[in-house]
Amino acid sequence: MVSAMVTSAAVALFALSLAVLYFAQPADDALAAEALLGDWREDESSLPPVFVDFSETRDRPLDVPEAILKAKRMGAHGIRIYLNLSIEGPVNWDLLLNKKPAVVEEMYESLRRHDVRLMLQVEDHDGRTAKFVSYLFRLWPDMSRRVVVASSSPLFLLTLGGNNKAIVKALVWCPCSVAYTDAMCTRPRNDNLGWHLVASAADWFYRWCFGWGLLTRASMASAVVVDMSHVNECFVRLWRDRGLRVVVVASDDPKEQEYLRQVLRVPIVANYGTWQGRE
């Protein structure tokens, strides 16, 4: 726990230093719009896109091509999946980086065939994970138009291709992720008051860096992904004025999902079980 807090603070400080010392740029805006929005644009009367998350479905687990096909039939813009290469145990990185992964090839062909986008969220990672994801973009250069890489780690996004404008990145933001275990900031991560205060201080520093746009600048993000409990009209306007798009993780309430799309005019991530293609 102590090391995690220290690492979080160190990453934020590292991001701040990079933002001050370097003039970093996100992916090309037209490319980012194509990956995040598809054919939809902010000034259109139609509703913003929806990324469907199948991770909490009670049905049998879907493989990615199945999820892509189901999302297409639902009228969704894209899907969100999580990448964790270590979940099955040790990874043979030499083998992984010297072949064309058949699973990824099948996934990408499904994305192209059905004209569906992918939000690839990476949370459990190291330097080799970034190397692998970058390798996939080199294998399929056109993947940049269909895939958005999202992570709550500015360091991972920075490591992912450096100042490579061909990779569209999104910073996943939770203002209390060090001190609390939930997006609503109600369940403390540590029962010890002292460590909780240390974690809260780290969260404050993160919020300061995020509020001034330093974390998004350092990670070269084209968008921020935020839980709807932290979003309002001022938040959306602020980030749009900074040239970034806002993607909101919606609750399971259909009315709140409609509010985000109809009033705030932002793309959303919705659980499969609560969004059944209501267009």
C-alpha atoms as a PDB file:
ATOM      1  CA  MET A   1       0.000   0.000   0.000  1.00  0.00           C
ATOM      2  CA  VAL A   2       2.796   2.406   0.899  1.00  0.00           C
ATOM      3  CA  SER A   3       4.650   1.671  -2.324  1.00  0.00           C
ATOM      4  CA  ALA A   4       1.457   2.144  -4.358  1.00  0.00           C
ATOM      5  CA  MET A   5       0.887   5.566  -2.838  1.00  0.00           C
ATOM      6  CA  VAL A   6       4.488   6.615  -3.345  1.00  0.00           C
ATOM      7  CA  THR A   7       4.363   5.372  -6.940  1.00  0.00           C
ATOM      8  CA  SER A   8       1.155   7.318  -7.606  1.00  0.00           C
ATOM      9  CA  ALA A   9       2.646  10.538  -6.270  1.00  0.00           C
ATOM     10  CA  ALA A  10       5.877   9.943  -8.189  1.00  0.00           C
ATOM     11  CA  VAL A  11       3.999   9.380 -11.455  1.00  0.00           C
ATOM     12  CA  ALA A  12       2.028  12.599 -10.970  1.00  0.00           C
ATOM     13  CA  LEU A  13       5.233  14.531 -10.272  1.00  0.00           C
ATOM     14  CA  PHE A  14       6.858  12.914 -13.286  1.00  0.00           C
ATOM     15  CA  ALA A  15       3.890  13.936 -15.446  1.00  0.00           C
ATOM     16  CA  LEU A  16       4.100  17.497 -14.152  1.00  0.00           C
ATOM     17  CA  SER A  17       7.810  17.682 -14.963  1.00  0.00           C
ATOM     18  CA  LEU A  18       7.240  16.390 -18.471  1.00  0.00           C
ATOM     19  CA  ALA A  19       4.453  18.871 -19.078  1.00  0.00           C
ATOM     20  CA  VAL A  20       6.686  21.752 -18.067  1.00  0.00           C
ATOM     21  CA  LEU A  21       9.811  20.612 -19.906  1.00  0.00           C
ATOM     22  CA  TYR A  22       8.322  19.316 -23.146  1.00  0.00           C
ATOM     23  CA  PHE A  23       5.725  20.509 -25.589  1.00  0.00           C
ATOM     24  CA  ALA A  24       3.811  17.296 -26.192  1.00  0.00           C
ATOM     25  CA  GLN A  25       0.971  16.922 -28.661  1.00  0.00           C
ATOM     26  CA  PRO A  26      -1.888  14.381 -28.771  1.00  0.00           C
ATOM     27  CA  ALA A  27      -2.910  12.389 -31.830  1.00  0.00           C
ATOM     28  CA  ASP A  28      -4.050  14.217 -34.939  1.00  0.00           C
ATOM     29  CA  ASP A  29      -7.490  15.679 -34.175  1.00  0.00           C
ATOM     30  CA  ALA A  30      -9.144  14.270 -37.286  1.00  0.00           C
ATOM     31  CA  LEU A  31      -7.771  10.831 -36.435  1.00  0.00           C
ATOM     32  CA  ALA A  32      -8.970  11.135 -32.838  1.00  0.00           C
ATOM     33  CA  ALA A  33     -12.438  12.179 -33.998  1.00  0.00           C
ATOM     34  CA  GLU A  34     -12.647   9.199 -36.335  1.00  0.00           C
ATOM     35  CA  ALA A  35     -11.638   6.728 -33.617  1.00  0.00           C
ATOM     36  CA  LEU A  36     -13.771   8.250 -30.851  1.00  0.00           C
ATOM     37  CA  LEU A  37     -16.788   9.514 -32.773  1.00  0.00           C
ATOM     38  CA  GLY A  38     -16.878   7.735 -36.121  1.00  0.00           C
ATOM     39  CA  ASP A  39     -19.189   9.637 -38.463  1.00  0.00           C
ATOM     40  CA  TRP A  40     -20.788  11.652 -35.649  1.00  0.00           C
ATOM     41  CA  ARG A  41     -19.722  15.243 -34.992  1.00  0.00           C
ATOM     42  CA  GLU A  42     -20.504  17.541 -32.084  1.00  0.00           C
ATOM     43  CA  ASP A  43     -22.670  19.897 -34.154  1.00  0.00           C
ATOM     44  CA  GLU A  44     -25.002  17.170 -35.437  1.00  0.00           C
ATOM     45  CA  SER A  45     -28.559  16.672 -34.192  1.00  0.00           C
ATOM     46  CA  SER A  46     -28.191  12.900 -33.847  1.00  0.00           C
ATOM     47  CA  LEU A  47     -27.128  11.431 -30.509  1.00  0.00           C
ATOM     48  CA  PRO A  48     -23.457  10.879 -29.590  1.00  0.00           C
ATOM     49  CA  PRO A  49     -21.933   7.392 -29.866  1.00  0.00           C
ATOM     50  CA  VAL A  50     -22.120   4.591 -27.308  1.00  0.00           C
ATOM     51  CA  PHE A  51     -19.340   2.166 -26.350  1.00  0.00           C
ATOM     52  CA  VAL A  52     -20.854  -1.019 -24.906  1.00  0.00           C
ATOM     53  CA  ASP A  53     -19.066  -2.752 -22.032  1.00  0.00           C
ATOM     54  CA  PHE A  54     -19.733  -6.501 -21.874  1.00  0.00           C
ATOM     55  CA  SER A  55     -17.548  -7.177 -18.825  1.00  0.00           C
ATOM     56  CA  GLU A  56     -20.429  -7.262 -16.320  1.00  0.00           C
ATOM     57  CA  THR A  57     -22.911  -9.286 -18.357  1.00  0.00           C
ATOM     58  CA  ARG A  58     -24.457 -12.294 -16.621  1.00  0.00           C
ATOM     59  CA  ASP A  59     -24.531 -14.232 -19.861  1.00  0.00           C
ATOM     60  CA  ARG A  60     -21.712 -16.526 -20.830  1.00  0.00           C
ATOM     61  CA  PRO A  61     -18.493 -14.623 -21.577  1.00  0.00           C
ATOM     62  CA  LEU A  62     -18.285 -13.413 -25.165  1.00  0.00           C
ATOM     63  CA  ASP A  63     -15.137 -13.493 -27.215  1.00  0.00           C
ATOM     64  CA  VAL A  64     -14.280 -10.177 -28.848  1.00  0.00           C
ATOM     65  CA  PRO A  65     -15.617 -10.932 -32.367  1.00  0.00           C
ATOM     66  CA  GLU A  66     -18.945 -12.005 -30.823  1.00  0.00           C
ATOM     67  CA  ALA A  67     -19.084  -8.810 -28.772  1.00  0.00           C
ATOM     68  CA  ILE A  68     -18.318  -6.731 -31.868  1.00  0.00           C
ATOM     69  CA  LEU A  69     -21.127  -8.395 -33.825  1.00  0.00           C
ATOM     70  CA  LYS A  70     -23.592  -7.972 -30.947  1.00  0.00           C
ATOM     71  CA  ALA A  71     -22.636  -4.299 -30.577  1.00  0.00           C
ATOM     72  CA  LYS A  72     -23.206  -3.771 -34.308  1.00  0.00           C
ATOM     73  CA  ARG A  73     -26.653  -5.340 -34.102  1.00  0.00           C
ATOM     74  CA  MET A  74     -27.487  -3.099 -31.138  1.00  0.00           C
ATOM     75  CA  GLY A  75     -26.554  -0.020 -33.125  1.00  0.00           C
ATOM     76  CA  ALA A  76     -23.604   0.791 -30.854  1.00  0.00           C
ATOM     77  CA  HIS A  77     -20.588   2.751 -32.043  1.00  0.00           C
ATOM     78  CA  GLY A  78     -18.043   0.516 -30.327  1.00  0.00           C
ATOM     79  CA  ILE A  79     -17.148  -1.756 -27.441  1.00  0.00           C
ATOM     80  CA  ARG A  80     -14.871  -1.444 -24.436  1.00  0.00           C
ATOM     81  CA  ILE A  81     -12.606  -4.316 -23.439  1.00  0.00           C
ATOM     82  CA  TYR A  82      -9.836  -4.647 -20.864  1.00  0.00           C
ATOM     83  CA  LEU A  83      -6.333  -5.843 -21.679  1.00  0.00           C
ATOM     84  CA  ASN A  84      -4.434  -7.751 -19.001  1.00  0.00           C
ATOM     85  CA  LEU A  85      -1.708  -9.893 -20.521  1.00  0.00           C
ATOM     86  CA  SER A  86      -0.601 -11.298 -17.167  1.00  0.00           C
ATOM     87  CA  ILE A  87      -4.006 -12.658 -16.156  1.00  0.00           C
ATOM     88  CA  GLU A  88      -3.199 -16.130 -17.478  1.00  0.00           C
ATOM     89  CA  GLY A  89       0.223 -16.264 -15.878  1.00  0.00           C
ATOM     90  CA  PRO A  90       3.737 -15.499 -17.173  1.00  0.00           C
ATOM     91  CA  VAL A  91       3.910 -14.088 -20.687  1.00  0.00           C
ATOM     92  CA  ASN A  92       6.462 -15.216 -23.266  1.00  0.00           C
ATOM     93  CA  TRP A  93       7.239 -11.720 -24.537  1.00  0.00           C
ATOM     94  CA  ASP A  94       9.849 -12.830 -27.070  1.00  0.00           C
ATOM     95  CA  LEU A  95       7.288 -15.118 -28.703  1.00  0.00           C
ATOM     96  CA  LEU A  96       4.527 -12.530 -28.459  1.00  0.00           C
ATOM     97  CA  LEU A  97       6.548  -9.817 -30.168  1.00  0.00           C
ATOM     98  CA  ASN A  98       7.779 -12.013 -33.011  1.00  0.00           C
ATOM     99  CA  LYS A  99       4.529 -13.229 -34.515  1.00  0.00           C
ATOM    100  CA  LYS A 100       1.227 -11.835 -35.748  1.00  0.00           C
ATOM    101  CA  PRO A 101      -1.256 -12.675 -32.972  1.00  0.00           C
ATOM    102  CA  ALA A 102      -4.136 -14.612 -34.542  1.00  0.00           C
ATOM    103  CA  VAL A 103      -6.595 -13.458 -31.874  1.00  0.00           C
ATOM    104  CA  VAL A 104      -5.811  -9.799 -32.534  1.00  0.00           C
ATOM    105  CA  GLU A 105      -5.975 -10.325 -36.285  1.00  0.00           C
ATOM    106  CA  GLU A 106      -9.448 -11.863 -35.956  1.00  0.00           C
ATOM    107  CA  MET A 107     -10.543  -9.018 -33.696  1.00  0.00           C
ATOM    108  CA  TYR A 108      -9.307  -6.331 -36.064  1.00  0.00           C
ATOM    109  CA  GLU A 109     -10.943  -7.959 -39.078  1.00  0.00           C
ATOM    110  CA  SER A 110     -14.227  -7.993 -37.144  1.00  0.00           C
ATOM    111  CA  LEU A 111     -13.833  -4.292 -36.334  1.00  0.00           C
ATOM    112  CA  ARG A 112     -13.316  -3.467 -39.994  1.00  0.00           C
ATOM    113  CA  ARG A 113     -16.037  -5.773 -41.293  1.00  0.00           C
ATOM    114  CA  HIS A 114     -18.717  -4.394 -38.977  1.00  0.00           C
ATOM    115  CA  ASP A 115     -17.395  -0.801 -38.819  1.00  0.00           C
ATOM    116  CA  VAL A 116     -17.153  -0.867 -35.015  1.00  0.00           C
ATOM    117  CA  ARG A 117     -14.669   1.027 -32.822  1.00  0.00           C
ATOM    118  CA  LEU A 118     -12.762  -0.346 -29.842  1.00  0.00           C
ATOM    119  CA  MET A 119     -11.836   1.271 -26.540  1.00  0.00           C
ATOM    120  CA  LEU A 120      -8.933  -0.811 -25.258  1.00  0.00           C
ATOM    121  CA  GLN A 121      -8.545  -0.097 -21.543  1.00  0.00           C
ATOM    122  CA  VAL A 122      -5.235  -1.047 -19.940  1.00  0.00           C
ATOM    123  CA  GLU A 123      -4.813  -0.906 -16.156  1.00  0.00           C
ATOM    124  CA  ASP A 124      -2.502  -3.800 -15.181  1.00  0.00           C
ATOM    125  CA  HIS A 125       0.629  -3.129 -17.166  1.00  0.00           C
ATOM    126  CA  ASP A 126       4.362  -2.661 -17.333  1.00  0.00           C
ATOM    127  CA  GLY A 127       6.773  -1.400 -19.972  1.00  0.00           C
ATOM    128  CA  ARG A 128       6.379  -4.588 -22.008  1.00  0.00           C
ATOM    129  CA  THR A 129       2.621  -4.130 -22.223  1.00  0.00           C
ATOM    130  CA  ALA A 130       3.122  -0.724 -23.835  1.00  0.00           C
ATOM    131  CA  LYS A 131       5.658  -2.269 -26.194  1.00  0.00           C
ATOM    132  CA  PHE A 132       3.169  -4.965 -27.200  1.00  0.00           C
ATOM    133  CA  VAL A 133       0.324  -2.504 -27.833  1.00  0.00           C
ATOM    134  CA  SER A 134       2.648  -0.287 -29.899  1.00  0.00           C
ATOM    135  CA  TYR A 135       3.683  -3.392 -31.836  1.00  0.00           C
ATOM    136  CA  LEU A 136       0.041  -4.064 -32.752  1.00  0.00           C
ATOM    137  CA  PHE A 137      -0.321  -0.558 -34.186  1.00  0.00           C
ATOM    138  CA  ARG A 138       2.784  -1.138 -36.303  1.00  0.00           C
ATOM    139  CA  LEU A 139       1.363  -4.421 -37.601  1.00  0.00           C
ATOM    140  CA  TRP A 140      -1.958  -2.794 -38.512  1.00  0.00           C
ATOM    141  CA  PRO A 141      -1.372   0.935 -39.158  1.00  0.00           C
ATOM    142  CA  ASP A 142      -5.045   1.462 -40.011  1.00  0.00           C
ATOM    143  CA  MET A 143      -5.932   0.337 -36.471  1.00  0.00           C
ATOM    144  CA  SER A 144      -5.440   3.953 -35.359  1.00  0.00           C
ATOM    145  CA  ARG A 145      -8.753   4.855 -36.987  1.00  0.00           C
ATOM    146  CA  ARG A 146     -10.702   2.286 -34.987  1.00  0.00           C
ATOM    147  CA  VAL A 147      -8.940   1.824 -31.652  1.00  0.00           C
ATOM    148  CA  VAL A 148      -8.649   4.171 -28.674  1.00  0.00           C
ATOM    149  CA  VAL A 149      -6.202   3.148 -25.942  1.00  0.00           C
ATOM    150  CA  ALA A 150      -7.453   4.189 -22.503  1.00  0.00           C
ATOM    151  CA  SER A 151      -5.694   4.017 -19.141  1.00  0.00           C
ATOM    152  CA  SER A 152      -5.700   5.752 -15.774  1.00  0.00           C
ATOM    153  CA  SER A 153      -1.894   5.789 -15.875  1.00  0.00           C
ATOM    154  CA  PRO A 154      -0.335   8.862 -17.534  1.00  0.00           C
ATOM    155  CA  LEU A 155       2.983   7.027 -17.443  1.00  0.00           C
ATOM    156  CA  PHE A 156       1.608   4.103 -19.463  1.00  0.00           C
ATOM    157  CA  LEU A 157       0.077   6.425 -22.054  1.00  0.00           C
ATOM    158  CA  LEU A 158       3.344   8.330 -22.291  1.00  0.00           C
ATOM    159  CA  THR A 159       5.309   5.101 -22.709  1.00  0.00           C
ATOM    160  CA  LEU A 160       2.911   3.997 -25.423  1.00  0.00           C
ATOM    161  CA  GLY A 161       4.654   5.328 -28.484  1.00  0.00           C
ATOM    162  CA  GLY A 162       6.032   8.523 -26.953  1.00  0.00           C
ATOM    163  CA  ASN A 163       4.968  11.445 -29.144  1.00  0.00           C
ATOM    164  CA  ASN A 164       3.405   9.095 -31.713  1.00  0.00           C
ATOM    165  CA  LYS A 165       0.440  10.991 -33.137  1.00  0.00           C
ATOM    166  CA  ALA A 166      -0.893   7.840 -34.815  1.00  0.00           C
ATOM    167  CA  ILE A 167      -2.149   6.374 -31.515  1.00  0.00           C
ATOM    168  CA  VAL A 168      -5.319   7.874 -30.045  1.00  0.00           C
ATOM    169  CA  LYS A 169      -5.128   7.883 -26.237  1.00  0.00           C
ATOM    170  CA  ALA A 170      -7.673   8.610 -23.524  1.00  0.00           C
ATOM    171  CA  LEU A 171      -6.872   9.304 -19.880  1.00  0.00           C
ATOM    172  CA  VAL A 172      -9.263   7.530 -17.508  1.00  0.00           C
ATOM    173  CA  TRP A 173      -9.831   9.866 -14.595  1.00  0.00           C
ATOM    174  CA  CYS A 174     -11.034   9.141 -11.064  1.00  0.00           C
ATOM    175  CA  PRO A 175     -10.285  11.942  -8.573  1.00  0.00           C
ATOM    176  CA  CYS A 176      -9.967   9.638  -5.564  1.00  0.00           C
ATOM    177  CA  SER A 177      -8.410   6.437  -6.886  1.00  0.00           C
ATOM    178  CA  VAL A 178      -5.520   6.412  -4.388  1.00  0.00           C
ATOM    179  CA  ALA A 179      -7.574   6.901  -1.222  1.00  0.00           C
ATOM    180  CA  TYR A 180     -10.797   5.114  -2.197  1.00  0.00           C
ATOM    181  CA  THR A 181     -11.771   1.890  -3.939  1.00  0.00           C
ATOM    182  CA  ASP A 182     -14.904   3.197  -5.686  1.00  0.00           C
ATOM    183  CA  ALA A 183     -15.642   5.959  -8.177  1.00  0.00           C
ATOM    184  CA  MET A 184     -18.058   7.634  -5.744  1.00  0.00           C
ATOM    185  CA  CYS A 185     -15.242   8.094  -3.181  1.00  0.00           C
ATOM    186  CA  THR A 186     -17.154   6.462  -0.319  1.00  0.00           C
ATOM    187  CA  ARG A 187     -15.089   3.343   0.522  1.00  0.00           C
ATOM    188  CA  PRO A 188     -11.624   4.138   1.952  1.00  0.00           C
ATOM    189  CA  ARG A 189      -8.811   1.959   0.680  1.00  0.00           C
ATOM    190  CA  ASN A 190      -7.052   1.930   4.070  1.00  0.00           C
ATOM    191  CA  ASP A 191      -8.585   1.829   7.557  1.00  0.00           C
ATOM    192  CA  ASN A 192      -5.547   3.502   9.097  1.00  0.00           C
ATOM    193  CA  LEU A 193      -6.278   7.227   9.383  1.00  0.00           C
ATOM    194  CA  GLY A 194      -2.650   8.232   8.845  1.00  0.00           C
ATOM    195  CA  TRP A 195      -2.256   6.314   5.585  1.00  0.00           C
ATOM    196  CA  HIS A 196      -5.691   7.464   4.477  1.00  0.00           C
ATOM    197  CA  LEU A 197      -4.578  11.087   4.888  1.00  0.00           C
ATOM    198  CA  VAL A 198      -1.393  10.376   2.925  1.00  0.00           C
ATOM    199  CA  ALA A 199      -3.463   8.815   0.148  1.00  0.00           C
ATOM    200  CA  SER A 200      -5.873  11.755   0.209  1.00  0.00           C
ATOM    201  CA  ALA A 201      -2.929  14.133  -0.194  1.00  0.00           C
ATOM    202  CA  ALA A 202      -1.769  12.129  -3.220  1.00  0.00           C
ATOM    203  CA  ASP A 203      -5.273  12.357  -4.671  1.00  0.00           C
ATOM    204  CA  TRP A 204      -5.275  16.118  -4.103  1.00  0.00           C
ATOM    205  CA  PHE A 205      -2.014  16.431  -6.002  1.00  0.00           C
ATOM    206  CA  TYR A 206      -3.420  14.293  -8.821  1.00  0.00           C
ATOM    207  CA  ARG A 207      -6.528  16.466  -8.987  1.00  0.00           C
ATOM    208  CA  TRP A 208      -4.398  19.608  -9.134  1.00  0.00           C
ATOM    209  CA  CYS A 209      -2.330  18.224 -12.012  1.00  0.00           C
ATOM    210  CA  PHE A 210      -5.456  17.015 -13.791  1.00  0.00           C
ATOM    211  CA  GLY A 211      -7.362  20.256 -13.249  1.00  0.00           C
ATOM    212  CA  TRP A 212      -4.599  22.270 -14.890  1.00  0.00           C
ATOM    213  CA  GLY A 213      -4.414  19.862 -17.813  1.00  0.00           C
ATOM    214  CA  LEU A 214      -0.917  18.671 -16.946  1.00  0.00           C
ATOM    215  CA  LEU A 215      -1.711  14.946 -16.844  1.00  0.00           C
ATOM    216  CA  THR A 216      -3.497  14.993 -20.193  1.00  0.00           C
ATOM    217  CA  ARG A 217      -0.686  17.035 -21.721  1.00  0.00           C
ATOM    218  CA  ALA A 218       2.005  14.718 -20.398  1.00  0.00           C
ATOM    219  CA  SER A 219       0.157  11.585 -21.530  1.00  0.00           C
ATOM    220  CA  MET A 220      -0.696  13.183 -24.900  1.00  0.00           C
ATOM    221  CA  ALA A 221      -4.337  12.241 -24.488  1.00  0.00           C
ATOM    222  CA  SER A 222      -7.034  13.222 -26.968  1.00  0.00           C
ATOM    223  CA  ALA A 223      -9.868  12.526 -24.534  1.00  0.00           C
ATOM    224  CA  VAL A 224     -10.708  11.999 -20.887  1.00  0.00           C
ATOM    225  CA  VAL A 225     -12.887   9.120 -19.670  1.00  0.00           C
ATOM    226  CA  VAL A 226     -14.759  10.026 -16.492  1.00  0.00           C
ATOM    227  CA  ASP A 227     -17.467   8.503 -14.303  1.00  0.00           C
ATOM    228  CA  MET A 228     -20.740  10.396 -14.619  1.00  0.00           C
ATOM    229  CA  SER A 229     -20.741  11.242 -10.899  1.00  0.00           C
ATOM    230  CA  HIS A 230     -17.944  13.745 -11.607  1.00  0.00           C
ATOM    231  CA  VAL A 231     -19.371  15.310 -14.780  1.00  0.00           C
ATOM    232  CA  ASN A 232     -21.463  18.418 -15.347  1.00  0.00           C
ATOM    233  CA  GLU A 233     -21.854  21.025 -18.083  1.00  0.00           C
ATOM    234  CA  CYS A 234     -18.940  23.115 -16.781  1.00  0.00           C
ATOM    235  CA  PHE A 235     -16.637  20.078 -16.781  1.00  0.00           C
ATOM    236  CA  VAL A 236     -17.530  19.190 -20.366  1.00  0.00           C
ATOM    237  CA  ARG A 237     -17.151  22.799 -21.521  1.00  0.00           C
ATOM    238  CA  LEU A 238     -13.760  23.159 -19.818  1.00  0.00           C
ATOM    239  CA  TRP A 239     -12.252  20.159 -21.553  1.00  0.00           C
ATOM    240  CA  ARG A 240     -13.781  20.972 -24.913  1.00  0.00           C
ATOM    241  CA  ASP A 241     -12.252  24.435 -24.676  1.00  0.00           C
ATOM    242  CA  ARG A 242      -8.913  22.698 -24.126  1.00  0.00           C
ATOM    243  CA  GLY A 243      -9.404  20.715 -27.319  1.00  0.00           C
ATOM    244  CA  LEU A 244     -10.125  17.369 -25.667  1.00  0.00           C
ATOM    245  CA  ARG A 245     -13.221  15.209 -25.891  1.00  0.00           C
ATOM    246  CA  VAL A 246     -15.067  13.845 -22.881  1.00  0.00           C
ATOM    247  CA  VAL A 247     -16.294  10.244 -22.734  1.00  0.00           C
ATOM    248  CA  VAL A 248     -18.519   9.462 -19.748  1.00  0.00           C
ATOM    249  CA  VAL A 249     -18.932   6.102 -18.025  1.00  0.00           C
ATOM    250  CA  ALA A 250     -22.691   6.057 -17.531  1.00  0.00           C
ATOM    251  CA  SER A 251     -24.668   4.547 -14.686  1.00  0.00           C
ATOM    252  CA  ASP A 252     -27.220   1.796 -15.271  1.00  0.00           C
ATOM    253  CA  ASP A 253     -30.086   4.302 -15.229  1.00  0.00           C
ATOM    254  CA  PRO A 254     -31.469   4.713 -18.781  1.00  0.00           C
ATOM    255  CA  LYS A 255     -32.654   8.257 -17.999  1.00  0.00           C
ATOM    256  CA  GLU A 256     -29.173   9.306 -16.919  1.00  0.00           C
ATOM    257  CA  GLN A 257     -27.723   7.739 -20.058  1.00  0.00           C
ATOM    258  CA  GLU A 258     -30.153   9.763 -22.163  1.00  0.00           C
ATOM    259  CA  TYR A 259     -29.290  12.932 -20.227  1.00  0.00           C
ATOM    260  CA  LEU A 260     -25.602  12.504 -20.973  1.00  0.00           C
ATOM    261  CA  ARG A 261     -26.233  12.045 -24.679  1.00  0.00           C
ATOM    262  CA  GLN A 262     -29.095  14.492 -25.209  1.00  0.00           C
ATOM    263  CA  VAL A 263     -28.147  17.336 -22.858  1.00  0.00           C
ATOM    264  CA  LEU A 264     -24.389  17.146 -22.285  1.00  0.00           C
ATOM    265  CA  ARG A 265     -23.853  15.765 -25.816  1.00  0.00           C
ATOM    266  CA  VAL A 266     -21.046  13.397 -24.876  1.00  0.00           C
ATOM    267  CA  PRO A 267     -20.237   9.829 -25.954  1.00  0.00           C
ATOM    268  CA  ILE A 268     -20.856   7.291 -23.210  1.00  0.00           C
ATOM    269  CA  VAL A 269     -19.707   3.879 -22.044  1.00  0.00           C
ATOM    270  CA  ALA A 270     -22.735   1.799 -21.021  1.00  0.00           C
ATOM    271  CA  ASN A 271     -23.062  -1.686 -19.578  1.00  0.00           C
ATOM    272  CA  TYR A 272     -24.471  -4.193 -22.034  1.00  0.00           C
ATOM    273  CA  GLY A 273     -27.274  -5.207 -19.669  1.00  0.00           C
ATOM    274  CA  THR A 274     -28.664  -1.680 -19.370  1.00  0.00           C
ATOM    275  CA  TRP A 275     -28.291  -0.417 -22.927  1.00  0.00           C
ATOM    276  CA  GLN A 276     -30.155  -2.441 -25.506  1.00  0.00           C
ATOM    277  CA  GLY A 277     -29.857  -0.269 -28.555  1.00  0.00           C
ATOM    278  CA  ARG A 278     -32.298   2.453 -27.608  1.00  0.00           C
ATOM    279  CA  GLU A 279     -31.825   4.838 -30.536  1.00  0.00           C
END
